[in-house]
Structures are given as C-alpha cells and as structure tokens.
Amino acid sequence: MRREKSRTVAEVLQEYIKEDNLESGLLCARIFEAWDLVLLDMTASYYKPEEISGLTLNKFFRDGVLSCKISSSVLRSQLFFQLESIRNRINTMLQEEHVLKITIY
C-alpha cells in the first residue's frame, strides 16, 4: 500500500470536529473556561479558589451572548460594572471576537 496524501494529526482532528458538528460545543466549553478563569482572577482577593466554582450557578452561550447566573448579589453588582472589561478579556483569551455581550442574572 502506498500513501497518497499524508496529513497531520491537527488536520485529522479538525476534519473530525467539522464532520461531527462539534465546533459549537467546543467553543462553548472554551468560553465557559475563559469565564471561570476571568472570574477567578477578579475575585481571588476575597474568595478562595475552591469557592469560585460555586459562584456561577448556570452558564449559557448562544448567538454571541454569554448569560451567567451568579449566586451572590454583591458579586453580581460588582461584575455588572465590569462587563465590558470581562468581555474583552474573554475574547482576548479566545483570540477571536466570539462573545458580543454578557448578561448576568
């Protein structure tokens, strides 16, 4: 048997992701991870790292809008004034402009 075209592992993975329509799910996972990292960075001075995961009760991403349910009303009001900064930091981490708006409730 003779190889006609060799491909890298990255090319094979990209093809697999596209064929099985996994792109949107992977993007959501990356966005949620970026949210958690930004939240950890912003609240590290007054929350313990193990408490950070319990601050966001629910996360949802659709059509460029990241919606997050925050457990603490105090934190929610603090984050509300920093939404644009958070959005910029998340998009910087993703290296692309995916998050157009963030809503917190």
Protein backbone atom coordinates (compact mmCIF):
# COMPACT_ATOMS: atom_id res chain seq x y z
CA MET A 1 0.00 0.00 0.00
CA ARG A 2 1.19 3.40 -0.88
CA ARG A 3 0.19 6.64 0.82
CA GLU A 4 -1.20 9.22 -1.50
CA LYS A 5 -1.57 12.07 0.93
CA SER A 6 -0.27 12.27 4.46
CA ARG A 7 -1.96 14.55 6.97
CA THR A 8 -1.02 15.88 10.35
CA VAL A 9 -2.90 14.93 13.48
CA ALA A 10 -4.20 18.51 13.72
CA GLU A 11 -5.71 18.27 10.24
CA VAL A 12 -7.38 14.95 11.04
CA LEU A 13 -8.80 16.36 14.30
CA GLN A 14 -10.13 19.49 12.56
CA GLU A 15 -11.83 17.33 9.93
CA TYR A 16 -13.34 15.09 12.63
CA ILE A 17 -14.64 18.10 14.57
CA LYS A 18 -16.28 19.56 11.46
CA GLU A 19 -17.80 16.26 10.32
CA ASP A 20 -19.39 15.54 13.70
CA ASN A 21 -20.54 19.16 14.26
CA LEU A 22 -18.59 19.54 17.48
CA GLU A 23 -17.42 23.10 16.81
CA SER A 24 -20.17 24.90 18.72
CA GLY A 25 -19.85 22.63 21.77
CA LEU A 26 -16.09 23.09 21.89
CA LEU A 27 -16.49 26.85 21.54
CA CYS A 28 -18.95 26.90 24.46
CA ALA A 29 -16.53 24.89 26.59
CA ARG A 30 -13.71 27.32 25.77
CA ILE A 31 -15.90 30.34 26.57
CA PHE A 32 -17.06 28.85 29.88
CA GLU A 33 -13.47 28.03 30.83
CA ALA A 34 -12.40 31.59 29.98
CA TRP A 35 -15.27 32.95 32.11
CA ASP A 36 -14.14 30.83 35.06
CA LEU A 37 -10.53 32.00 34.69
CA VAL A 38 -11.50 35.66 34.48
CA LEU A 39 -13.83 35.32 37.46
CA LEU A 40 -11.08 33.58 39.42
CA ASP A 41 -8.65 36.38 38.60
CA MET A 42 -11.13 39.11 39.51
CA THR A 43 -12.28 37.59 42.81
CA ALA A 44 -9.07 35.98 44.05
CA SER A 45 -8.58 38.63 46.73
CA TYR A 46 -11.83 37.88 48.55
CA TYR A 47 -12.82 34.32 47.57
CA LYS A 48 -10.90 31.08 47.97
CA PRO A 49 -10.15 29.22 44.71
CA GLU A 50 -12.40 26.32 45.71
CA GLU A 51 -15.32 28.74 46.25
CA ILE A 52 -15.09 30.23 42.75
CA SER A 53 -16.82 27.31 41.03
CA GLY A 54 -19.93 27.81 43.18
CA LEU A 55 -20.29 31.49 42.29
CA THR A 56 -21.63 30.85 38.79
CA LEU A 57 -24.70 28.65 39.07
CA ASN A 58 -25.51 28.43 35.36
CA LYS A 59 -23.81 29.45 32.12
CA PHE A 60 -25.36 29.61 28.67
CA PHE A 61 -23.98 30.80 25.31
CA ARG A 62 -25.99 31.45 22.16
CA ASP A 63 -25.67 33.87 19.25
CA GLY A 64 -22.74 35.73 20.78
CA VAL A 65 -24.43 36.29 24.15
CA LEU A 66 -22.95 34.74 27.28
CA SER A 67 -25.52 34.53 30.08
CA CYS A 68 -24.39 33.67 33.60
CA LYS A 69 -26.38 33.19 36.79
CA ILE A 70 -24.41 34.49 39.77
CA SER A 71 -25.14 33.16 43.26
CA SER A 72 -24.08 36.30 45.15
CA SER A 73 -25.99 39.55 44.70
CA VAL A 74 -22.95 41.52 45.89
CA LEU A 75 -20.71 39.89 43.31
CA ARG A 76 -23.38 40.30 40.63
CA SER A 77 -23.49 44.06 41.21
CA GLN A 78 -19.68 44.29 41.15
CA LEU A 79 -19.49 42.32 37.91
CA PHE A 80 -22.24 44.38 36.32
CA PHE A 81 -19.97 47.44 36.21
CA GLN A 82 -17.11 45.43 34.67
CA LEU A 83 -18.99 43.52 31.94
CA GLU A 84 -17.21 45.22 29.03
CA SER A 85 -13.80 44.54 30.58
CA ILE A 86 -14.75 40.90 31.21
CA ARG A 87 -15.99 40.52 27.64
CA ASN A 88 -12.73 41.94 26.28
CA ARG A 89 -10.65 39.63 28.48
CA ILE A 90 -12.62 36.56 27.41
CA ASN A 91 -12.28 37.44 23.72
CA THR A 92 -8.57 38.06 24.21
CA MET A 93 -8.21 34.60 25.76
CA LEU A 94 -10.14 33.07 22.83
CA GLN A 95 -8.05 35.09 20.34
CA GLU A 96 -11.24 35.89 18.46
CA GLU A 97 -14.37 38.02 18.93
CA HIS A 98 -16.94 35.37 19.87
CA VAL A 99 -18.60 36.96 22.90
CA LEU A 100 -20.53 40.04 21.80
CA LYS A 101 -22.47 40.62 25.02
CA ILE A 102 -22.56 39.29 28.57
CA THR A 103 -25.70 39.20 30.67
CA ILE A 104 -25.69 38.32 34.35
CA TYR A 105 -28.69 37.48 36.46
